[in-house]
Amino acid sequence: KMFTVNEVSQHKTRDDCYIITRDKVYNISKFLNEHPGGDDVIMDVAGEDITEAFDDIDHSEEANEMLAAMFVGGISTKVSLSCTHVTSWVS
């Protein structure tokens, strides 16, 4: 499934917690209580792109494998444009 950044930003509660890293979306809701740094660390960035912060911490291979198991989709880079009003000029 592909998500927009806006869609992911709606998932920011303890029962429905998504994050983005490296253009991939993860549902980490069930992991919150297991996070070694505490769940508050994650809740502060819930629904956001955490790529830089995640990479800065240099997570272990095990942490990356755990994250991979929580993968739910990718980030859509498509921009949808809609035209709601068309004006026709007649000379």
PDB file of N, CA and C in Angstrom:
ATOM      1  N   LYS A   1       0.848  -1.181   0.000  1.00  0.00           N
ATOM      2  CA  LYS A   1       0.000   0.000   0.000  1.00  0.00           C
ATOM      3  C   LYS A   1       0.887   1.235   0.000  1.00  0.00           C
ATOM      4  N   MET A   2       0.423   2.257  -0.676  1.00  0.00           N
ATOM      5  CA  MET A   2       1.136   3.528  -0.702  1.00  0.00           C
ATOM      6  C   MET A   2       0.373   4.544   0.149  1.00  0.00           C
ATOM      7  N   PHE A   3       1.118   5.306   0.939  1.00  0.00           N
ATOM      8  CA  PHE A   3       0.552   6.322   1.821  1.00  0.00           C
ATOM      9  C   PHE A   3       1.083   7.691   1.414  1.00  0.00           C
ATOM     10  N   THR A   4       0.296   8.720   1.661  1.00  0.00           N
ATOM     11  CA  THR A   4       0.819  10.078   1.568  1.00  0.00           C
ATOM     12  C   THR A   4       1.357  10.437   2.949  1.00  0.00           C
ATOM     13  N   VAL A   5       2.204  11.441   2.997  1.00  0.00           N
ATOM     14  CA  VAL A   5       2.729  11.904   4.283  1.00  0.00           C
ATOM     15  C   VAL A   5       1.574  12.348   5.175  1.00  0.00           C
ATOM     16  N   ASN A   6       0.576  12.987   4.579  1.00  0.00           N
ATOM     17  CA  ASN A   6      -0.586  13.434   5.339  1.00  0.00           C
ATOM     18  C   ASN A   6      -1.342  12.260   5.960  1.00  0.00           C
ATOM     19  N   GLU A   7      -1.496  11.170   5.208  1.00  0.00           N
ATOM     20  CA  GLU A   7      -2.178   9.986   5.752  1.00  0.00           C
ATOM     21  C   GLU A   7      -1.419   9.426   6.953  1.00  0.00           C
ATOM     22  N   VAL A   8      -0.116   9.338   6.832  1.00  0.00           N
ATOM     23  CA  VAL A   8       0.692   8.802   7.934  1.00  0.00           C
ATOM     24  C   VAL A   8       0.580   9.705   9.158  1.00  0.00           C
ATOM     25  N   SER A   9       0.515  11.001   8.945  1.00  0.00           N
ATOM     26  CA  SER A   9       0.450  11.943  10.067  1.00  0.00           C
ATOM     27  C   SER A   9      -0.808  11.777  10.912  1.00  0.00           C
ATOM     28  N   GLN A  10      -1.815  11.085  10.385  1.00  0.00           N
ATOM     29  CA  GLN A  10      -3.046  10.838  11.136  1.00  0.00           C
ATOM     30  C   GLN A  10      -2.897   9.671  12.117  1.00  0.00           C
ATOM     31  N   HIS A  11      -1.831   8.912  11.991  1.00  0.00           N
ATOM     32  CA  HIS A  11      -1.595   7.725  12.827  1.00  0.00           C
ATOM     33  C   HIS A  11      -0.588   8.075  13.922  1.00  0.00           C
ATOM     34  N   LYS A  12      -1.051   8.739  14.964  1.00  0.00           N
ATOM     35  CA  LYS A  12      -0.122   9.215  15.992  1.00  0.00           C
ATOM     36  C   LYS A  12      -0.645   9.013  17.414  1.00  0.00           C
ATOM     37  N   THR A  13      -1.361   7.923  17.604  1.00  0.00           N
ATOM     38  CA  THR A  13      -1.816   7.587  18.952  1.00  0.00           C
ATOM     39  C   THR A  13      -1.127   6.295  19.392  1.00  0.00           C
ATOM     40  N   ARG A  14      -1.203   5.983  20.665  1.00  0.00           N
ATOM     41  CA  ARG A  14      -0.564   4.765  21.184  1.00  0.00           C
ATOM     42  C   ARG A  14      -1.169   3.496  20.575  1.00  0.00           C
ATOM     43  N   ASP A  15      -2.435   3.555  20.209  1.00  0.00           N
ATOM     44  CA  ASP A  15      -3.095   2.390  19.612  1.00  0.00           C
ATOM     45  C   ASP A  15      -2.957   2.338  18.091  1.00  0.00           C
ATOM     46  N   ASP A  16      -2.503   3.417  17.499  1.00  0.00           N
ATOM     47  CA  ASP A  16      -2.412   3.522  16.040  1.00  0.00           C
ATOM     48  C   ASP A  16      -1.230   4.430  15.706  1.00  0.00           C
ATOM     49  N   CYS A  17      -0.030   3.870  15.768  1.00  0.00           N
ATOM     50  CA  CYS A  17       1.192   4.662  15.671  1.00  0.00           C
ATOM     51  C   CYS A  17       2.027   4.249  14.460  1.00  0.00           C
ATOM     52  N   TYR A  18       2.132   5.160  13.486  1.00  0.00           N
ATOM     53  CA  TYR A  18       2.943   4.922  12.293  1.00  0.00           C
ATOM     54  C   TYR A  18       4.134   5.876  12.303  1.00  0.00           C
ATOM     55  N   ILE A  19       5.218   5.437  11.694  1.00  0.00           N
ATOM     56  CA  ILE A  19       6.368   6.301  11.451  1.00  0.00           C
ATOM     57  C   ILE A  19       6.824   6.080  10.014  1.00  0.00           C
ATOM     58  N   ILE A  20       7.608   7.024   9.520  1.00  0.00           N
ATOM     59  CA  ILE A  20       8.225   6.910   8.199  1.00  0.00           C
ATOM     60  C   ILE A  20       9.732   6.922   8.398  1.00  0.00           C
ATOM     61  N   THR A  21      10.419   6.017   7.732  1.00  0.00           N
ATOM     62  CA  THR A  21      11.869   6.088   7.652  1.00  0.00           C
ATOM     63  C   THR A  21      12.302   5.530   6.306  1.00  0.00           C
ATOM     64  N   ARG A  22      13.183   6.263   5.658  1.00  0.00           N
ATOM     65  CA  ARG A  22      13.683   5.884   4.324  1.00  0.00           C
ATOM     66  C   ARG A  22      12.534   5.622   3.336  1.00  0.00           C
ATOM     67  N   ASP A  23      11.530   6.488   3.365  1.00  0.00           N
ATOM     68  CA  ASP A  23      10.364   6.413   2.462  1.00  0.00           C
ATOM     69  C   ASP A  23       9.538   5.145   2.624  1.00  0.00           C
ATOM     70  N   LYS A  24       9.630   4.518   3.780  1.00  0.00           N
ATOM     71  CA  LYS A  24       8.813   3.347   4.088  1.00  0.00           C
ATOM     72  C   LYS A  24       7.996   3.647   5.337  1.00  0.00           C
ATOM     73  N   VAL A  25       6.794   3.067   5.393  1.00  0.00           N
ATOM     74  CA  VAL A  25       5.867   3.316   6.497  1.00  0.00           C
ATOM     75  C   VAL A  25       5.787   2.070   7.366  1.00  0.00           C
ATOM     76  N   TYR A  26       5.844   2.288   8.679  1.00  0.00           N
ATOM     77  CA  TYR A  26       5.809   1.191   9.639  1.00  0.00           C
ATOM     78  C   TYR A  26       4.737   1.448  10.686  1.00  0.00           C
ATOM     79  N   ASN A  27       3.983   0.409  11.023  1.00  0.00           N
ATOM     80  CA  ASN A  27       3.013   0.473  12.111  1.00  0.00           C
ATOM     81  C   ASN A  27       3.719  -0.092  13.339  1.00  0.00           C
ATOM     82  N   ILE A  28       4.121   0.794  14.232  1.00  0.00           N
ATOM     83  CA  ILE A  28       4.905   0.369  15.393  1.00  0.00           C
ATOM     84  C   ILE A  28       4.081   0.356  16.682  1.00  0.00           C
ATOM     85  N   SER A  29       2.776   0.356  16.545  1.00  0.00           N
ATOM     86  CA  SER A  29       1.874   0.396  17.701  1.00  0.00           C
ATOM     87  C   SER A  29       2.176  -0.687  18.727  1.00  0.00           C
ATOM     88  N   LYS A  30       2.376  -1.912  18.277  1.00  0.00           N
ATOM     89  CA  LYS A  30       2.589  -3.035  19.196  1.00  0.00           C
ATOM     90  C   LYS A  30       3.995  -3.055  19.784  1.00  0.00           C
ATOM     91  N   PHE A  31       4.888  -2.219  19.256  1.00  0.00           N
ATOM     92  CA  PHE A  31       6.276  -2.186  19.709  1.00  0.00           C
ATOM     93  C   PHE A  31       6.525  -1.117  20.769  1.00  0.00           C
ATOM     94  N   LEU A  32       5.613  -0.188  20.933  1.00  0.00           N
ATOM     95  CA  LEU A  32       5.847   0.956  21.819  1.00  0.00           C
ATOM     96  C   LEU A  32       6.356   0.557  23.199  1.00  0.00           C
ATOM     97  N   ASN A  33       5.713  -0.417  23.827  1.00  0.00           N
ATOM     98  CA  ASN A  33       6.098  -0.815  25.186  1.00  0.00           C
ATOM     99  C   ASN A  33       7.435  -1.537  25.243  1.00  0.00           C
ATOM    100  N   GLU A  34       7.930  -1.997  24.081  1.00  0.00           N
ATOM    101  CA  GLU A  34       9.188  -2.733  24.038  1.00  0.00           C
ATOM    102  C   GLU A  34      10.383  -1.854  23.680  1.00  0.00           C
ATOM    103  N   HIS A  35      10.144  -0.640  23.229  1.00  0.00           N
ATOM    104  CA  HIS A  35      11.240   0.219  22.775  1.00  0.00           C
ATOM    105  C   HIS A  35      12.204   0.509  23.921  1.00  0.00           C
ATOM    106  N   PRO A  36      13.489   0.195  23.751  1.00  0.00           N
ATOM    107  CA  PRO A  36      14.467   0.374  24.831  1.00  0.00           C
ATOM    108  C   PRO A  36      14.584   1.816  25.322  1.00  0.00           C
ATOM    109  N   GLY A  37      14.315   2.779  24.452  1.00  0.00           N
ATOM    110  CA  GLY A  37      14.398   4.184  24.846  1.00  0.00           C
ATOM    111  C   GLY A  37      13.112   4.710  25.453  1.00  0.00           C
ATOM    112  N   GLY A  38      12.118   3.847  25.570  1.00  0.00           N
ATOM    113  CA  GLY A  38      10.831   4.253  26.125  1.00  0.00           C
ATOM    114  C   GLY A  38       9.851   4.658  25.041  1.00  0.00           C
ATOM    115  N   ASP A  39       8.574   4.515  25.342  1.00  0.00           N
ATOM    116  CA  ASP A  39       7.553   4.825  24.340  1.00  0.00           C
ATOM    117  C   ASP A  39       7.389   6.318  24.095  1.00  0.00           C
ATOM    118  N   ASP A  40       7.749   7.152  25.076  1.00  0.00           N
ATOM    119  CA  ASP A  40       7.612   8.600  24.892  1.00  0.00           C
ATOM    120  C   ASP A  40       8.503   9.114  23.766  1.00  0.00           C
ATOM    121  N   VAL A  41       9.671   8.491  23.607  1.00  0.00           N
ATOM    122  CA  VAL A  41      10.589   8.885  22.535  1.00  0.00           C
ATOM    123  C   VAL A  41       9.897   8.729  21.185  1.00  0.00           C
ATOM    124  N   ILE A  42       9.191   7.633  21.015  1.00  0.00           N
ATOM    125  CA  ILE A  42       8.491   7.383  19.755  1.00  0.00           C
ATOM    126  C   ILE A  42       7.250   8.263  19.643  1.00  0.00           C
ATOM    127  N   MET A  43       6.501   8.413  20.713  1.00  0.00           N
ATOM    128  CA  MET A  43       5.275   9.207  20.646  1.00  0.00           C
ATOM    129  C   MET A  43       5.566  10.666  20.291  1.00  0.00           C
ATOM    130  N   ASP A  44       6.753  11.149  20.626  1.00  0.00           N
ATOM    131  CA  ASP A  44       7.125  12.520  20.268  1.00  0.00           C
ATOM    132  C   ASP A  44       7.236  12.714  18.759  1.00  0.00           C
ATOM    133  N   VAL A  45       7.451  11.621  18.018  1.00  0.00           N
ATOM    134  CA  VAL A  45       7.616  11.713  16.563  1.00  0.00           C
ATOM    135  C   VAL A  45       6.596  10.867  15.804  1.00  0.00           C
ATOM    136  N   ALA A  46       5.576  10.408  16.487  1.00  0.00           N
ATOM    137  CA  ALA A  46       4.551   9.559  15.861  1.00  0.00           C
ATOM    138  C   ALA A  46       3.924  10.272  14.672  1.00  0.00           C
ATOM    139  N   GLY A  47       3.756   9.533  13.584  1.00  0.00           N
ATOM    140  CA  GLY A  47       3.153  10.083  12.383  1.00  0.00           C
ATOM    141  C   GLY A  47       4.094  10.910  11.529  1.00  0.00           C
ATOM    142  N   GLU A  48       5.378  10.905  11.872  1.00  0.00           N
ATOM    143  CA  GLU A  48       6.347  11.747  11.171  1.00  0.00           C
ATOM    144  C   GLU A  48       7.428  10.922  10.485  1.00  0.00           C
ATOM    145  N   ASP A  49       8.226  11.610   9.658  1.00  0.00           N
ATOM    146  CA  ASP A  49       9.395  10.999   9.029  1.00  0.00           C
ATOM    147  C   ASP A  49      10.551  11.107  10.020  1.00  0.00           C
ATOM    148  N   ILE A  50      11.028   9.961  10.477  1.00  0.00           N
ATOM    149  CA  ILE A  50      12.083   9.941  11.490  1.00  0.00           C
ATOM    150  C   ILE A  50      13.419   9.464  10.919  1.00  0.00           C
ATOM    151  N   THR A  51      13.579   9.504   9.611  1.00  0.00           N
ATOM    152  CA  THR A  51      14.769   8.956   8.958  1.00  0.00           C
ATOM    153  C   THR A  51      16.059   9.476   9.584  1.00  0.00           C
ATOM    154  N   GLU A  52      16.201  10.779   9.692  1.00  0.00           N
ATOM    155  CA  GLU A  52      17.447  11.356  10.206  1.00  0.00           C
ATOM    156  C   GLU A  52      17.716  10.916  11.643  1.00  0.00           C
ATOM    157  N   ALA A  53      16.709  10.999  12.491  1.00  0.00           N
ATOM    158  CA  ALA A  53      16.881  10.604  13.897  1.00  0.00           C
ATOM    159  C   ALA A  53      17.177   9.114  14.015  1.00  0.00           C
ATOM    160  N   PHE A  54      16.497   8.293  13.228  1.00  0.00           N
ATOM    161  CA  PHE A  54      16.703   6.848  13.268  1.00  0.00           C
ATOM    162  C   PHE A  54      18.126   6.503  12.846  1.00  0.00           C
ATOM    163  N   ASP A  55      18.601   7.129  11.779  1.00  0.00           N
ATOM    164  CA  ASP A  55      19.952   6.858  11.291  1.00  0.00           C
ATOM    165  C   ASP A  55      21.023   7.401  12.235  1.00  0.00           C
ATOM    166  N   ASP A  56      20.755   8.533  12.886  1.00  0.00           N
ATOM    167  CA  ASP A  56      21.720   9.111  13.829  1.00  0.00           C
ATOM    168  C   ASP A  56      22.004   8.185  15.001  1.00  0.00           C
ATOM    169  N   ILE A  57      21.012   7.399  15.402  1.00  0.00           N
ATOM    170  CA  ILE A  57      21.167   6.515  16.557  1.00  0.00           C
ATOM    171  C   ILE A  57      21.954   5.263  16.197  1.00  0.00           C
ATOM    172  N   ASP A  58      22.087   4.972  14.913  1.00  0.00           N
ATOM    173  CA  ASP A  58      22.833   3.796  14.460  1.00  0.00           C
ATOM    174  C   ASP A  58      22.276   2.528  15.104  1.00  0.00           C
ATOM    175  N   HIS A  59      21.007   2.252  14.804  1.00  0.00           N
ATOM    176  CA  HIS A  59      20.325   1.076  15.349  1.00  0.00           C
ATOM    177  C   HIS A  59      21.012  -0.213  14.911  1.00  0.00           C
ATOM    178  N   SER A  60      20.891  -1.218  15.725  1.00  0.00           N
ATOM    179  CA  SER A  60      21.499  -2.525  15.456  1.00  0.00           C
ATOM    180  C   SER A  60      20.806  -3.227  14.291  1.00  0.00           C
ATOM    181  N   GLU A  61      21.446  -4.277  13.796  1.00  0.00           N
ATOM    182  CA  GLU A  61      20.838  -5.084  12.735  1.00  0.00           C
ATOM    183  C   GLU A  61      19.536  -5.700  13.240  1.00  0.00           C
ATOM    184  N   GLU A  62      19.517  -6.114  14.506  1.00  0.00           N
ATOM    185  CA  GLU A  62      18.305  -6.690  15.097  1.00  0.00           C
ATOM    186  C   GLU A  62      17.168  -5.666  15.104  1.00  0.00           C
ATOM    187  N   ALA A  63      17.493  -4.420  15.449  1.00  0.00           N
ATOM    188  CA  ALA A  63      16.472  -3.365  15.461  1.00  0.00           C
ATOM    189  C   ALA A  63      15.917  -3.143  14.056  1.00  0.00           C
ATOM    190  N   ASN A  64      16.801  -3.167  13.063  1.00  0.00           N
ATOM    191  CA  ASN A  64      16.352  -2.999  11.676  1.00  0.00           C
ATOM    192  C   ASN A  64      15.488  -4.165  11.224  1.00  0.00           C
ATOM    193  N   GLU A  65      15.804  -5.375  11.674  1.00  0.00           N
ATOM    194  CA  GLU A  65      14.991  -6.545  11.334  1.00  0.00           C
ATOM    195  C   GLU A  65      13.614  -6.464  11.991  1.00  0.00           C
ATOM    196  N   MET A  66      13.581  -5.989  13.240  1.00  0.00           N
ATOM    197  CA  MET A  66      12.301  -5.823  13.936  1.00  0.00           C
ATOM    198  C   MET A  66      11.444  -4.790  13.206  1.00  0.00           C
ATOM    199  N   LEU A  67      12.081  -3.705  12.797  1.00  0.00           N
ATOM    200  CA  LEU A  67      11.361  -2.658  12.080  1.00  0.00           C
ATOM    201  C   LEU A  67      10.799  -3.200  10.766  1.00  0.00           C
ATOM    202  N   ALA A  68      11.585  -3.977  10.054  1.00  0.00           N
ATOM    203  CA  ALA A  68      11.144  -4.544   8.773  1.00  0.00           C
ATOM    204  C   ALA A  68       9.874  -5.376   8.940  1.00  0.00           C
ATOM    205  N   ALA A  69       9.742  -6.040  10.073  1.00  0.00           N
ATOM    206  CA  ALA A  69       8.559  -6.866  10.331  1.00  0.00           C
ATOM    207  C   ALA A  69       7.300  -6.017  10.534  1.00  0.00           C
ATOM    208  N   MET A  70       7.470  -4.722  10.778  1.00  0.00           N
ATOM    209  CA  MET A  70       6.341  -3.823  11.017  1.00  0.00           C
ATOM    210  C   MET A  70       5.977  -2.995   9.784  1.00  0.00           C
ATOM    211  N   PHE A  71       6.610  -3.286   8.659  1.00  0.00           N
ATOM    212  CA  PHE A  71       6.392  -2.558   7.406  1.00  0.00           C
ATOM    213  C   PHE A  71       4.939  -2.684   6.940  1.00  0.00           C
ATOM    214  N   VAL A  72       4.324  -1.550   6.594  1.00  0.00           N
ATOM    215  CA  VAL A  72       2.946  -1.571   6.086  1.00  0.00           C
ATOM    216  C   VAL A  72       2.797  -0.917   4.718  1.00  0.00           C
ATOM    217  N   GLY A  73       3.831  -0.229   4.231  1.00  0.00           N
ATOM    218  CA  GLY A  73       3.718   0.383   2.916  1.00  0.00           C
ATOM    219  C   GLY A  73       4.801   1.396   2.637  1.00  0.00           C
ATOM    220  N   GLY A  74       4.634   2.088   1.523  1.00  0.00           N
ATOM    221  CA  GLY A  74       5.598   3.096   1.106  1.00  0.00           C
ATOM    222  C   GLY A  74       4.976   4.477   1.080  1.00  0.00           C
ATOM    223  N   ILE A  75       5.824   5.453   0.806  1.00  0.00           N
ATOM    224  CA  ILE A  75       5.363   6.835   0.700  1.00  0.00           C
ATOM    225  C   ILE A  75       5.155   7.173  -0.770  1.00  0.00           C
ATOM    226  N   SER A  76       3.988   7.668  -1.063  1.00  0.00           N
ATOM    227  CA  SER A  76       3.665   8.086  -2.423  1.00  0.00           C
ATOM    228  C   SER A  76       4.235   9.474  -2.654  1.00  0.00           C
ATOM    229  N   THR A  77       4.960   9.609  -3.749  1.00  0.00           N
ATOM    230  CA  THR A  77       5.502  10.919  -4.094  1.00  0.00           C
ATOM    231  C   THR A  77       4.675  11.592  -5.172  1.00  0.00           C
ATOM    232  N   LYS A  78       3.617  10.913  -5.594  1.00  0.00           N
ATOM    233  CA  LYS A  78       2.738  11.495  -6.605  1.00  0.00           C
ATOM    234  C   LYS A  78       1.948  12.648  -6.005  1.00  0.00           C
ATOM    235  N   VAL A  79       1.806  13.683  -6.782  1.00  0.00           N
ATOM    236  CA  VAL A  79       0.972  14.810  -6.383  1.00  0.00           C
ATOM    237  C   VAL A  79      -0.265  14.765  -7.250  1.00  0.00           C
ATOM    238  N   SER A  80      -1.410  14.713  -6.612  1.00  0.00           N
ATOM    239  CA  SER A  80      -2.636  14.694  -7.408  1.00  0.00           C
ATOM    240  C   SER A  80      -3.187  16.105  -7.501  1.00  0.00           C
ATOM    241  N   LEU A  81      -3.463  16.498  -8.695  1.00  0.00           N
ATOM    242  CA  LEU A  81      -4.023  17.822  -8.937  1.00  0.00           C
ATOM    243  C   LEU A  81      -5.459  17.659  -9.387  1.00  0.00           C
ATOM    244  N   SER A  82      -6.296  18.503  -8.878  1.00  0.00           N
ATOM    245  CA  SER A  82      -7.682  18.452  -9.329  1.00  0.00           C
ATOM    246  C   SER A  82      -8.118  19.851  -9.723  1.00  0.00           C
ATOM    247  N   CYS A  83      -8.892  19.896 -10.739  1.00  0.00           N
ATOM    248  CA  CYS A  83      -9.413  21.167 -11.229  1.00  0.00           C
ATOM    249  C   CYS A  83     -10.886  21.231 -10.855  1.00  0.00           C
ATOM    250  N   THR A  84     -11.230  22.204 -10.045  1.00  0.00           N
ATOM    251  CA  THR A  84     -12.619  22.291  -9.601  1.00  0.00           C
ATOM    252  C   THR A  84     -13.398  23.373 -10.341  1.00  0.00           C
ATOM    253  N   HIS A  85     -12.678  24.209 -11.067  1.00  0.00           N
ATOM    254  CA  HIS A  85     -13.374  25.293 -11.757  1.00  0.00           C
ATOM    255  C   HIS A  85     -12.658  25.587 -13.069  1.00  0.00           C
ATOM    256  N   VAL A  86     -13.388  25.562 -14.135  1.00  0.00           N
ATOM    257  CA  VAL A  86     -12.819  25.873 -15.446  1.00  0.00           C
ATOM    258  C   VAL A  86     -13.584  27.055 -16.020  1.00  0.00           C
ATOM    259  N   THR A  87     -12.849  28.036 -16.444  1.00  0.00           N
ATOM    260  CA  THR A  87     -13.476  29.212 -17.053  1.00  0.00           C
ATOM    261  C   THR A  87     -13.144  29.221 -18.534  1.00  0.00           C
ATOM    262  N   SER A  88     -14.123  29.442 -19.333  1.00  0.00           N
ATOM    263  CA  SER A  88     -13.926  29.503 -20.778  1.00  0.00           C
ATOM    264  C   SER A  88     -14.112  30.945 -21.220  1.00  0.00           C
ATOM    265  N   TRP A  89     -13.148  31.437 -21.954  1.00  0.00           N
ATOM    266  CA  TRP A  89     -13.242  32.805 -22.462  1.00  0.00           C
ATOM    267  C   TRP A  89     -13.709  32.769 -23.906  1.00  0.00           C
ATOM    268  N   VAL A  90     -14.711  33.555 -24.189  1.00  0.00           N
ATOM    269  CA  VAL A  90     -15.229  33.643 -25.552  1.00  0.00           C
ATOM    270  C   VAL A  90     -15.078  35.081 -26.020  1.00  0.00           C
ATOM    271  N   SER A  91     -14.498  35.266 -27.211  1.00  0.00           N
ATOM    272  CA  SER A  91     -14.319  36.629 -27.728  1.00  0.00           C
ATOM    273  C   SER A  91     -15.530  37.081 -28.500  1.00  0.00           C
TER     274      SER A  91
END
